[in-house]
Amino acid sequence: MKKNPGRTYLMARLPIAVSALGHGLDRIPKIQVFSDHLVSQFSKSILPMKLVIPFSTALPFVELGVGILLILGLFTRFACVVGVITMLALIFGSCLIEQWDNVLSQMLYSL
């Protein structure tokens, strides 16, 4: 059997790539609703709204970009780093508002 590390690497990154792409594509058309929802969720957290609002607006575009880059195999290391940093921010935020189920799924995405 012929080894093909490139194909194996593609298969490893596709699930997270498609997930990120799907999240971005779903959220961008309704970005204001998505942003308002996150702002509402974090309204009683210690995070200042000056951070929550721009993050909630940028997140779908970051997800879309990471998904596209990973699917195409462009700037893969950069896309992975941005993806992990994004996941760390999401995990931190979910901890602050005690959404432990989200923390678990976000940790699995991070793997």
PDB file of N, CA and C in Angstrom:
ATOM      1  N   MET A   1       0.841  -1.171   0.000  1.00  0.00           N
ATOM      2  CA  MET A   1       0.000   0.000   0.000  1.00  0.00           C
ATOM      3  C   MET A   1       0.896   1.247   0.000  1.00  0.00           C
ATOM      4  N   LYS A   2       0.613   2.146  -0.887  1.00  0.00           N
ATOM      5  CA  LYS A   2       1.416   3.357  -1.030  1.00  0.00           C
ATOM      6  C   LYS A   2       1.023   4.396   0.037  1.00  0.00           C
ATOM      7  N   LYS A   3       2.026   4.916   0.709  1.00  0.00           N
ATOM      8  CA  LYS A   3       1.773   5.946   1.725  1.00  0.00           C
ATOM      9  C   LYS A   3       1.618   7.292   1.047  1.00  0.00           C
ATOM     10  N   ASN A   4       0.663   8.078   1.530  1.00  0.00           N
ATOM     11  CA  ASN A   4       0.436   9.408   0.985  1.00  0.00           C
ATOM     12  C   ASN A   4       0.150  10.352   2.146  1.00  0.00           C
ATOM     13  N   PRO A   5       1.209  10.916   2.746  1.00  0.00           N
ATOM     14  CA  PRO A   5       0.999  11.777   3.916  1.00  0.00           C
ATOM     15  C   PRO A   5       0.168  13.019   3.590  1.00  0.00           C
ATOM     16  N   GLY A   6       0.252  13.514   2.365  1.00  0.00           N
ATOM     17  CA  GLY A   6      -0.545  14.687   1.987  1.00  0.00           C
ATOM     18  C   GLY A   6      -2.029  14.406   2.063  1.00  0.00           C
ATOM     19  N   ARG A   7      -2.422  13.240   1.575  1.00  0.00           N
ATOM     20  CA  ARG A   7      -3.840  12.862   1.613  1.00  0.00           C
ATOM     21  C   ARG A   7      -4.297  12.626   3.054  1.00  0.00           C
ATOM     22  N   THR A   8      -3.435  12.003   3.835  1.00  0.00           N
ATOM     23  CA  THR A   8      -3.756  11.767   5.243  1.00  0.00           C
ATOM     24  C   THR A   8      -3.927  13.091   5.987  1.00  0.00           C
ATOM     25  N   TYR A   9      -3.042  14.025   5.719  1.00  0.00           N
ATOM     26  CA  TYR A   9      -3.113  15.346   6.348  1.00  0.00           C
ATOM     27  C   TYR A   9      -4.397  16.062   5.942  1.00  0.00           C
ATOM     28  N   LEU A  10      -4.775  15.948   4.662  1.00  0.00           N
ATOM     29  CA  LEU A  10      -6.024  16.544   4.179  1.00  0.00           C
ATOM     30  C   LEU A  10      -7.214  15.952   4.925  1.00  0.00           C
ATOM     31  N   MET A  11      -7.241  14.639   5.061  1.00  0.00           N
ATOM     32  CA  MET A  11      -8.362  13.984   5.737  1.00  0.00           C
ATOM     33  C   MET A  11      -8.427  14.376   7.213  1.00  0.00           C
ATOM     34  N   ALA A  12      -7.292  14.651   7.819  1.00  0.00           N
ATOM     35  CA  ALA A  12      -7.269  15.053   9.223  1.00  0.00           C
ATOM     36  C   ALA A  12      -7.804  16.471   9.408  1.00  0.00           C
ATOM     37  N   ARG A  13      -7.540  17.345   8.447  1.00  0.00           N
ATOM     38  CA  ARG A  13      -7.954  18.734   8.634  1.00  0.00           C
ATOM     39  C   ARG A  13      -9.342  19.046   8.069  1.00  0.00           C
ATOM     40  N   LEU A  14      -9.881  18.191   7.197  1.00  0.00           N
ATOM     41  CA  LEU A  14     -11.175  18.485   6.582  1.00  0.00           C
ATOM     42  C   LEU A  14     -12.346  18.614   7.557  1.00  0.00           C
ATOM     43  N   PRO A  15     -12.484  17.743   8.544  1.00  0.00           N
ATOM     44  CA  PRO A  15     -13.649  17.903   9.432  1.00  0.00           C
ATOM     45  C   PRO A  15     -13.704  19.262  10.130  1.00  0.00           C
ATOM     46  N   ILE A  16     -12.594  19.714  10.668  1.00  0.00           N
ATOM     47  CA  ILE A  16     -12.604  21.017  11.344  1.00  0.00           C
ATOM     48  C   ILE A  16     -12.746  22.139  10.329  1.00  0.00           C
ATOM     49  N   ALA A  17     -12.175  21.950   9.140  1.00  0.00           N
ATOM     50  CA  ALA A  17     -12.285  22.964   8.090  1.00  0.00           C
ATOM     51  C   ALA A  17     -13.734  23.148   7.668  1.00  0.00           C
ATOM     52  N   VAL A  18     -14.432  22.053   7.448  1.00  0.00           N
ATOM     53  CA  VAL A  18     -15.827  22.127   7.018  1.00  0.00           C
ATOM     54  C   VAL A  18     -16.701  22.696   8.134  1.00  0.00           C
ATOM     55  N   SER A  19     -16.403  22.336   9.369  1.00  0.00           N
ATOM     56  CA  SER A  19     -17.150  22.887  10.499  1.00  0.00           C
ATOM     57  C   SER A  19     -16.966  24.405  10.590  1.00  0.00           C
ATOM     58  N   ALA A  20     -15.726  24.860  10.512  1.00  0.00           N
ATOM     59  CA  ALA A  20     -15.460  26.301  10.580  1.00  0.00           C
ATOM     60  C   ALA A  20     -16.124  27.026   9.416  1.00  0.00           C
ATOM     61  N   LEU A  21     -16.004  26.465   8.221  1.00  0.00           N
ATOM     62  CA  LEU A  21     -16.640  27.060   7.047  1.00  0.00           C
ATOM     63  C   LEU A  21     -18.150  27.158   7.239  1.00  0.00           C
ATOM     64  N   GLY A  22     -18.748  26.071   7.708  1.00  0.00           N
ATOM     65  CA  GLY A  22     -20.195  26.062   7.932  1.00  0.00           C
ATOM     66  C   GLY A  22     -20.641  27.069   8.975  1.00  0.00           C
ATOM     67  N   HIS A  23     -19.876  27.187  10.065  1.00  0.00           N
ATOM     68  CA  HIS A  23     -20.211  28.174  11.086  1.00  0.00           C
ATOM     69  C   HIS A  23     -20.180  29.584  10.493  1.00  0.00           C
ATOM     70  N   GLY A  24     -19.125  29.882   9.749  1.00  0.00           N
ATOM     71  CA  GLY A  24     -19.015  31.209   9.148  1.00  0.00           C
ATOM     72  C   GLY A  24     -20.127  31.487   8.150  1.00  0.00           C
ATOM     73  N   LEU A  25     -20.383  30.527   7.258  1.00  0.00           N
ATOM     74  CA  LEU A  25     -21.423  30.718   6.239  1.00  0.00           C
ATOM     75  C   LEU A  25     -22.808  30.878   6.858  1.00  0.00           C
ATOM     76  N   ASP A  26     -23.060  30.163   7.936  1.00  0.00           N
ATOM     77  CA  ASP A  26     -24.360  30.264   8.603  1.00  0.00           C
ATOM     78  C   ASP A  26     -24.535  31.592   9.333  1.00  0.00           C
ATOM     79  N   ARG A  27     -23.472  32.083   9.931  1.00  0.00           N
ATOM     80  CA  ARG A  27     -23.589  33.263  10.794  1.00  0.00           C
ATOM     81  C   ARG A  27     -23.472  34.597  10.057  1.00  0.00           C
ATOM     82  N   ILE A  28     -22.728  34.645   8.987  1.00  0.00           N
ATOM     83  CA  ILE A  28     -22.505  35.925   8.302  1.00  0.00           C
ATOM     84  C   ILE A  28     -23.803  36.562   7.800  1.00  0.00           C
ATOM     85  N   PRO A  29     -24.716  35.806   7.166  1.00  0.00           N
ATOM     86  CA  PRO A  29     -25.949  36.459   6.695  1.00  0.00           C
ATOM     87  C   PRO A  29     -26.816  37.035   7.819  1.00  0.00           C
ATOM     88  N   LYS A  30     -26.670  36.492   9.016  1.00  0.00           N
ATOM     89  CA  LYS A  30     -27.462  36.983  10.158  1.00  0.00           C
ATOM     90  C   LYS A  30     -26.534  37.498  11.250  1.00  0.00           C
ATOM     91  N   ILE A  31     -25.515  38.216  10.831  1.00  0.00           N
ATOM     92  CA  ILE A  31     -24.444  38.618  11.757  1.00  0.00           C
ATOM     93  C   ILE A  31     -24.958  39.475  12.908  1.00  0.00           C
ATOM     94  N   GLN A  32     -25.912  40.346  12.656  1.00  0.00           N
ATOM     95  CA  GLN A  32     -26.416  41.202  13.731  1.00  0.00           C
ATOM     96  C   GLN A  32     -27.163  40.376  14.774  1.00  0.00           C
ATOM     97  N   VAL A  33     -27.962  39.417  14.327  1.00  0.00           N
ATOM     98  CA  VAL A  33     -28.683  38.542  15.257  1.00  0.00           C
ATOM     99  C   VAL A  33     -27.686  37.727  16.085  1.00  0.00           C
ATOM    100  N   PHE A  34     -26.656  37.191  15.413  1.00  0.00           N
ATOM    101  CA  PHE A  34     -25.631  36.417  16.105  1.00  0.00           C
ATOM    102  C   PHE A  34     -24.900  37.281  17.127  1.00  0.00           C
ATOM    103  N   SER A  35     -24.495  38.471  16.709  1.00  0.00           N
ATOM    104  CA  SER A  35     -23.774  39.379  17.600  1.00  0.00           C
ATOM    105  C   SER A  35     -24.639  39.765  18.795  1.00  0.00           C
ATOM    106  N   ASP A  36     -25.885  40.109  18.540  1.00  0.00           N
ATOM    107  CA  ASP A  36     -26.801  40.477  19.629  1.00  0.00           C
ATOM    108  C   ASP A  36     -26.974  39.332  20.621  1.00  0.00           C
ATOM    109  N   HIS A  37     -27.042  38.109  20.102  1.00  0.00           N
ATOM    110  CA  HIS A  37     -27.191  36.943  20.975  1.00  0.00           C
ATOM    111  C   HIS A  37     -25.971  36.783  21.889  1.00  0.00           C
ATOM    112  N   LEU A  38     -24.774  36.906  21.315  1.00  0.00           N
ATOM    113  CA  LEU A  38     -23.569  36.789  22.140  1.00  0.00           C
ATOM    114  C   LEU A  38     -23.477  37.920  23.159  1.00  0.00           C
ATOM    115  N   VAL A  39     -23.797  39.116  22.738  1.00  0.00           N
ATOM    116  CA  VAL A  39     -23.777  40.258  23.659  1.00  0.00           C
ATOM    117  C   VAL A  39     -24.736  40.000  24.816  1.00  0.00           C
ATOM    118  N   SER A  40     -25.904  39.473  24.510  1.00  0.00           N
ATOM    119  CA  SER A  40     -26.878  39.156  25.556  1.00  0.00           C
ATOM    120  C   SER A  40     -26.338  38.084  26.503  1.00  0.00           C
ATOM    121  N   GLN A  41     -25.702  37.046  25.941  1.00  0.00           N
ATOM    122  CA  GLN A  41     -25.150  35.977  26.775  1.00  0.00           C
ATOM    123  C   GLN A  41     -24.065  36.493  27.719  1.00  0.00           C
ATOM    124  N   PHE A  42     -23.277  37.442  27.252  1.00  0.00           N
ATOM    125  CA  PHE A  42     -22.144  37.928  28.035  1.00  0.00           C
ATOM    126  C   PHE A  42     -22.452  39.196  28.823  1.00  0.00           C
ATOM    127  N   SER A  43     -23.703  39.622  28.823  1.00  0.00           N
ATOM    128  CA  SER A  43     -24.060  40.881  29.480  1.00  0.00           C
ATOM    129  C   SER A  43     -23.788  40.859  30.981  1.00  0.00           C
ATOM    130  N   LYS A  44     -23.834  39.683  31.591  1.00  0.00           N
ATOM    131  CA  LYS A  44     -23.596  39.590  33.037  1.00  0.00           C
ATOM    132  C   LYS A  44     -22.232  38.990  33.364  1.00  0.00           C
ATOM    133  N   SER A  45     -21.387  38.852  32.352  1.00  0.00           N
ATOM    134  CA  SER A  45     -20.048  38.315  32.597  1.00  0.00           C
ATOM    135  C   SER A  45     -19.096  39.463  32.930  1.00  0.00           C
ATOM    136  N   ILE A  46     -17.868  39.107  33.272  1.00  0.00           N
ATOM    137  CA  ILE A  46     -16.882  40.141  33.604  1.00  0.00           C
ATOM    138  C   ILE A  46     -16.269  40.782  32.361  1.00  0.00           C
ATOM    139  N   LEU A  47     -16.561  40.211  31.189  1.00  0.00           N
ATOM    140  CA  LEU A  47     -15.994  40.781  29.960  1.00  0.00           C
ATOM    141  C   LEU A  47     -16.666  42.103  29.615  1.00  0.00           C
ATOM    142  N   PRO A  48     -15.899  43.104  29.303  1.00  0.00           N
ATOM    143  CA  PRO A  48     -16.499  44.373  28.894  1.00  0.00           C
ATOM    144  C   PRO A  48     -17.108  44.255  27.492  1.00  0.00           C
ATOM    145  N   MET A  49     -18.215  44.914  27.296  1.00  0.00           N
ATOM    146  CA  MET A  49     -18.885  44.877  26.004  1.00  0.00           C
ATOM    147  C   MET A  49     -17.993  45.430  24.891  1.00  0.00           C
ATOM    148  N   LYS A  50     -17.020  46.263  25.260  1.00  0.00           N
ATOM    149  CA  LYS A  50     -16.074  46.786  24.267  1.00  0.00           C
ATOM    150  C   LYS A  50     -15.247  45.665  23.637  1.00  0.00           C
ATOM    151  N   LEU A  51     -15.161  44.521  24.297  1.00  0.00           N
ATOM    152  CA  LEU A  51     -14.487  43.347  23.730  1.00  0.00           C
ATOM    153  C   LEU A  51     -15.475  42.383  23.083  1.00  0.00           C
ATOM    154  N   VAL A  52     -16.634  42.218  23.705  1.00  0.00           N
ATOM    155  CA  VAL A  52     -17.604  41.236  23.222  1.00  0.00           C
ATOM    156  C   VAL A  52     -18.156  41.626  21.859  1.00  0.00           C
ATOM    157  N   ILE A  53     -18.508  42.882  21.683  1.00  0.00           N
ATOM    158  CA  ILE A  53     -19.143  43.314  20.426  1.00  0.00           C
ATOM    159  C   ILE A  53     -18.213  43.106  19.226  1.00  0.00           C
ATOM    160  N   PRO A  54     -16.965  43.593  19.252  1.00  0.00           N
ATOM    161  CA  PRO A  54     -16.119  43.355  18.079  1.00  0.00           C
ATOM    162  C   PRO A  54     -15.804  41.869  17.864  1.00  0.00           C
ATOM    163  N   PHE A  55     -15.638  41.121  18.955  1.00  0.00           N
ATOM    164  CA  PHE A  55     -15.365  39.693  18.820  1.00  0.00           C
ATOM    165  C   PHE A  55     -16.539  38.990  18.158  1.00  0.00           C
ATOM    166  N   SER A  56     -17.755  39.317  18.607  1.00  0.00           N
ATOM    167  CA  SER A  56     -18.938  38.649  18.053  1.00  0.00           C
ATOM    168  C   SER A  56     -19.155  39.012  16.588  1.00  0.00           C
ATOM    169  N   THR A  57     -18.698  40.171  16.184  1.00  0.00           N
ATOM    170  CA  THR A  57     -18.822  40.573  14.781  1.00  0.00           C
ATOM    171  C   THR A  57     -17.729  39.934  13.925  1.00  0.00           C
ATOM    172  N   ALA A  58     -16.541  39.805  14.467  1.00  0.00           N
ATOM    173  CA  ALA A  58     -15.414  39.256  13.700  1.00  0.00           C
ATOM    174  C   ALA A  58     -15.432  37.730  13.641  1.00  0.00           C
ATOM    175  N   LEU A  59     -15.978  37.073  14.649  1.00  0.00           N
ATOM    176  CA  LEU A  59     -15.909  35.620  14.753  1.00  0.00           C
ATOM    177  C   LEU A  59     -16.378  34.887  13.497  1.00  0.00           C
ATOM    178  N   PRO A  60     -17.539  35.197  12.936  1.00  0.00           N
ATOM    179  CA  PRO A  60     -17.958  34.458  11.743  1.00  0.00           C
ATOM    180  C   PRO A  60     -16.996  34.604  10.562  1.00  0.00           C
ATOM    181  N   PHE A  61     -16.388  35.755  10.426  1.00  0.00           N
ATOM    182  CA  PHE A  61     -15.444  35.965   9.328  1.00  0.00           C
ATOM    183  C   PHE A  61     -14.141  35.192   9.572  1.00  0.00           C
ATOM    184  N   VAL A  62     -13.732  35.129  10.832  1.00  0.00           N
ATOM    185  CA  VAL A  62     -12.540  34.343  11.182  1.00  0.00           C
ATOM    186  C   VAL A  62     -12.821  32.861  10.911  1.00  0.00           C
ATOM    187  N   GLU A  63     -13.980  32.382  11.341  1.00  0.00           N
ATOM    188  CA  GLU A  63     -14.344  30.986  11.100  1.00  0.00           C
ATOM    189  C   GLU A  63     -14.371  30.675   9.605  1.00  0.00           C
ATOM    190  N   LEU A  64     -14.988  31.546   8.837  1.00  0.00           N
ATOM    191  CA  LEU A  64     -15.056  31.353   7.381  1.00  0.00           C
ATOM    192  C   LEU A  64     -13.654  31.306   6.780  1.00  0.00           C
ATOM    193  N   GLY A  65     -12.819  32.262   7.167  1.00  0.00           N
ATOM    194  CA  GLY A  65     -11.461  32.318   6.630  1.00  0.00           C
ATOM    195  C   GLY A  65     -10.643  31.095   6.979  1.00  0.00           C
ATOM    196  N   VAL A  66     -10.715  30.669   8.237  1.00  0.00           N
ATOM    197  CA  VAL A  66      -9.982  29.476   8.665  1.00  0.00           C
ATOM    198  C   VAL A  66     -10.478  28.261   7.879  1.00  0.00           C
ATOM    199  N   GLY A  67     -11.786  28.140   7.747  1.00  0.00           N
ATOM    200  CA  GLY A  67     -12.346  27.012   7.004  1.00  0.00           C
ATOM    201  C   GLY A  67     -11.869  26.976   5.559  1.00  0.00           C
ATOM    202  N   ILE A  68     -11.910  28.107   4.890  1.00  0.00           N
ATOM    203  CA  ILE A  68     -11.476  28.170   3.488  1.00  0.00           C
ATOM    204  C   ILE A  68      -9.995  27.823   3.366  1.00  0.00           C
ATOM    205  N   LEU A  69      -9.177  28.435   4.208  1.00  0.00           N
ATOM    206  CA  LEU A  69      -7.741  28.172   4.137  1.00  0.00           C
ATOM    207  C   LEU A  69      -7.414  26.702   4.388  1.00  0.00           C
ATOM    208  N   LEU A  70      -8.074  26.100   5.360  1.00  0.00           N
ATOM    209  CA  LEU A  70      -7.802  24.697   5.659  1.00  0.00           C
ATOM    210  C   LEU A  70      -8.291  23.766   4.553  1.00  0.00           C
ATOM    211  N   ILE A  71      -9.443  24.069   3.983  1.00  0.00           N
ATOM    212  CA  ILE A  71      -9.941  23.239   2.884  1.00  0.00           C
ATOM    213  C   ILE A  71      -9.001  23.308   1.690  1.00  0.00           C
ATOM    214  N   LEU A  72      -8.548  24.511   1.376  1.00  0.00           N
ATOM    215  CA  LEU A  72      -7.668  24.689   0.222  1.00  0.00           C
ATOM    216  C   LEU A  72      -6.219  24.300   0.510  1.00  0.00           C
ATOM    217  N   GLY A  73      -5.882  24.166   1.774  1.00  0.00           N
ATOM    218  CA  GLY A  73      -4.513  23.834   2.140  1.00  0.00           C
ATOM    219  C   GLY A  73      -3.556  25.005   1.971  1.00  0.00           C
ATOM    220  N   LEU A  74      -4.088  26.215   2.076  1.00  0.00           N
ATOM    221  CA  LEU A  74      -3.270  27.424   1.953  1.00  0.00           C
ATOM    222  C   LEU A  74      -2.959  27.974   3.335  1.00  0.00           C
ATOM    223  N   PHE A  75      -1.720  28.381   3.546  1.00  0.00           N
ATOM    224  CA  PHE A  75      -1.316  28.973   4.822  1.00  0.00           C
ATOM    225  C   PHE A  75      -1.825  28.119   5.983  1.00  0.00           C
ATOM    226  N   THR A  76      -1.646  26.814   5.859  1.00  0.00           N
ATOM    227  CA  THR A  76      -2.235  25.864   6.803  1.00  0.00           C
ATOM    228  C   THR A  76      -1.775  26.096   8.232  1.00  0.00           C
ATOM    229  N   ARG A  77      -0.500  26.316   8.415  1.00  0.00           N
ATOM    230  CA  ARG A  77       0.002  26.542   9.775  1.00  0.00           C
ATOM    231  C   ARG A  77      -0.628  27.796  10.369  1.00  0.00           C
ATOM    232  N   PHE A  78      -0.682  28.878   9.592  1.00  0.00           N
ATOM    233  CA  PHE A  78      -1.305  30.123  10.036  1.00  0.00           C
ATOM    234  C   PHE A  78      -2.777  29.886  10.375  1.00  0.00           C
ATOM    235  N   ALA A  79      -3.495  29.174   9.495  1.00  0.00           N
ATOM    236  CA  ALA A  79      -4.917  28.909   9.728  1.00  0.00           C
ATOM    237  C   ALA A  79      -5.109  28.088  10.997  1.00  0.00           C
ATOM    238  N   CYS A  80      -4.228  27.129  11.232  1.00  0.00           N
ATOM    239  CA  CYS A  80      -4.322  26.317  12.455  1.00  0.00           C
ATOM    240  C   CYS A  80      -4.081  27.164  13.701  1.00  0.00           C
ATOM    241  N   VAL A  81      -3.089  28.037  13.636  1.00  0.00           N
ATOM    242  CA  VAL A  81      -2.799  28.904  14.790  1.00  0.00           C
ATOM    243  C   VAL A  81      -3.988  29.827  15.060  1.00  0.00           C
ATOM    244  N   VAL A  82      -4.522  30.442  14.025  1.00  0.00           N
ATOM    245  CA  VAL A  82      -5.689  31.324  14.200  1.00  0.00           C
ATOM    246  C   VAL A  82      -6.867  30.518  14.741  1.00  0.00           C
ATOM    247  N   GLY A  83      -7.059  29.314  14.216  1.00  0.00           N
ATOM    248  CA  GLY A  83      -8.150  28.463  14.695  1.00  0.00           C
ATOM    249  C   GLY A  83      -8.005  28.106  16.160  1.00  0.00           C
ATOM    250  N   VAL A  84      -6.802  27.757  16.584  1.00  0.00           N
ATOM    251  CA  VAL A  84      -6.581  27.394  17.990  1.00  0.00           C
ATOM    252  C   VAL A  84      -6.766  28.612  18.895  1.00  0.00           C
ATOM    253  N   ILE A  85      -6.266  29.761  18.482  1.00  0.00           N
ATOM    254  CA  ILE A  85      -6.454  30.984  19.276  1.00  0.00           C
ATOM    255  C   ILE A  85      -7.938  31.306  19.396  1.00  0.00           C
ATOM    256  N   THR A  86      -8.665  31.138  18.307  1.00  0.00           N
ATOM    257  CA  THR A  86     -10.119  31.366  18.332  1.00  0.00           C
ATOM    258  C   THR A  86     -10.792  30.402  19.296  1.00  0.00           C
ATOM    259  N   MET A  87     -10.397  29.135  19.234  1.00  0.00           N
ATOM    260  CA  MET A  87     -10.988  28.146  20.129  1.00  0.00           C
ATOM    261  C   MET A  87     -10.667  28.451  21.595  1.00  0.00           C
ATOM    262  N   LEU A  88      -9.450  28.905  21.858  1.00  0.00           N
ATOM    263  CA  LEU A  88      -9.097  29.281  23.233  1.00  0.00           C
ATOM    264  C   LEU A  88      -9.971  30.430  23.723  1.00  0.00           C
ATOM    265  N   ALA A  89     -10.219  31.408  22.865  1.00  0.00           N
ATOM    266  CA  ALA A  89     -11.095  32.524  23.236  1.00  0.00           C
ATOM    267  C   ALA A  89     -12.511  32.032  23.496  1.00  0.00           C
ATOM    268  N   LEU A  90     -12.992  31.117  22.657  1.00  0.00           N
ATOM    269  CA  LEU A  90     -14.344  30.577  22.849  1.00  0.00           C
ATOM    270  C   LEU A  90     -14.437  29.760  24.135  1.00  0.00           C
ATOM    271  N   ILE A  91     -13.419  28.959  24.411  1.00  0.00           N
ATOM    272  CA  ILE A  91     -13.404  28.169  25.649  1.00  0.00           C
ATOM    273  C   ILE A  91     -13.405  29.094  26.867  1.00  0.00           C
ATOM    274  N   PHE A  92     -12.568  30.113  26.825  1.00  0.00           N
ATOM    275  CA  PHE A  92     -12.511  31.071  27.932  1.00  0.00           C
ATOM    276  C   PHE A  92     -13.870  31.744  28.137  1.00  0.00           C
ATOM    277  N   GLY A  93     -14.465  32.186  27.052  1.00  0.00           N
ATOM    278  CA  GLY A  93     -15.779  32.824  27.153  1.00  0.00           C
ATOM    279  C   GLY A  93     -16.841  31.890  27.681  1.00  0.00           C
ATOM    280  N   SER A  94     -16.842  30.655  27.205  1.00  0.00           N
ATOM    281  CA  SER A  94     -17.828  29.683  27.686  1.00  0.00           C
ATOM    282  C   SER A  94     -17.648  29.396  29.171  1.00  0.00           C
ATOM    283  N   CYS A  95     -16.409  29.384  29.626  1.00  0.00           N
ATOM    284  CA  CYS A  95     -16.154  29.199  31.065  1.00  0.00           C
ATOM    285  C   CYS A  95     -16.720  30.373  31.866  1.00  0.00           C
ATOM    286  N   LEU A  96     -16.534  31.578  31.354  1.00  0.00           N
ATOM    287  CA  LEU A  96     -17.006  32.761  32.085  1.00  0.00           C
ATOM    288  C   LEU A  96     -18.516  32.790  32.254  1.00  0.00           C
ATOM    289  N   ILE A  97     -19.237  32.193  31.295  1.00  0.00           N
ATOM    290  CA  ILE A  97     -20.708  32.188  31.415  1.00  0.00           C
ATOM    291  C   ILE A  97     -21.230  30.795  31.768  1.00  0.00           C
ATOM    292  N   GLU A  98     -20.305  29.948  32.232  1.00  0.00           N
ATOM    293  CA  GLU A  98     -20.618  28.623  32.756  1.00  0.00           C
ATOM    294  C   GLU A  98     -21.400  27.754  31.779  1.00  0.00           C
ATOM    295  N   GLN A  99     -21.005  27.773  30.522  1.00  0.00           N
ATOM    296  CA  GLN A  99     -21.609  26.893  29.516  1.00  0.00           C
ATOM    297  C   GLN A  99     -20.671  25.700  29.314  1.00  0.00           C
ATOM    298  N   TRP A 100     -20.731  24.790  30.273  1.00  0.00           N
ATOM    299  CA  TRP A 100     -19.772  23.693  30.328  1.00  0.00           C
ATOM    300  C   TRP A 100     -19.925  22.723  29.167  1.00  0.00           C
ATOM    301  N   ASP A 101     -21.130  22.536  28.653  1.00  0.00           N
ATOM    302  CA  ASP A 101     -21.307  21.670  27.481  1.00  0.00           C
ATOM    303  C   ASP A 101     -20.560  22.249  26.276  1.00  0.00           C
ATOM    304  N   ASN A 102     -20.614  23.566  26.143  1.00  0.00           N
ATOM    305  CA  ASN A 102     -19.880  24.210  25.049  1.00  0.00           C
ATOM    306  C   ASN A 102     -18.376  24.045  25.229  1.00  0.00           C
ATOM    307  N   VAL A 103     -17.912  24.133  26.459  1.00  0.00           N
ATOM    308  CA  VAL A 103     -16.476  23.971  26.720  1.00  0.00           C
ATOM    309  C   VAL A 103     -16.023  22.600  26.238  1.00  0.00           C
ATOM    310  N   LEU A 104     -16.788  21.578  26.545  1.00  0.00           N
ATOM    311  CA  LEU A 104     -16.423  20.222  26.131  1.00  0.00           C
ATOM    312  C   LEU A 104     -16.337  20.121  24.608  1.00  0.00           C
ATOM    313  N   SER A 105     -17.352  20.594  23.918  1.00  0.00           N
ATOM    314  CA  SER A 105     -17.321  20.490  22.450  1.00  0.00           C
ATOM    315  C   SER A 105     -16.214  21.346  21.862  1.00  0.00           C
ATOM    316  N   GLN A 106     -15.951  22.512  22.440  1.00  0.00           N
ATOM    317  CA  GLN A 106     -14.878  23.370  21.938  1.00  0.00           C
ATOM    318  C   GLN A 106     -13.509  22.725  22.173  1.00  0.00           C
ATOM    319  N   MET A 107     -13.365  22.017  23.279  1.00  0.00           N
ATOM    320  CA  MET A 107     -12.102  21.308  23.519  1.00  0.00           C
ATOM    321  C   MET A 107     -11.922  20.191  22.493  1.00  0.00           C
ATOM    322  N   LEU A 108     -12.995  19.505  22.150  1.00  0.00           N
ATOM    323  CA  LEU A 108     -12.901  18.458  21.132  1.00  0.00           C
ATOM    324  C   LEU A 108     -12.551  19.038  19.763  1.00  0.00           C
ATOM    325  N   TYR A 109     -13.156  20.173  19.417  1.00  0.00           N
ATOM    326  CA  TYR A 109     -12.784  20.860  18.176  1.00  0.00           C
ATOM    327  C   TYR A 109     -11.300  21.205  18.179  1.00  0.00           C
ATOM    328  N   SER A 110     -10.812  21.649  19.314  1.00  0.00           N
ATOM    329  CA  SER A 110      -9.419  22.056  19.418  1.00  0.00           C
ATOM    330  C   SER A 110      -8.452  20.907  19.178  1.00  0.00           C
ATOM    331  N   LEU A 111      -8.854  19.724  19.580  1.00  0.00           N
ATOM    332  CA  LEU A 111      -7.993  18.553  19.353  1.00  0.00           C
ATOM    333  C   LEU A 111      -7.797  18.323  17.880  1.00  0.00           C
TER     334      LEU A 111
END
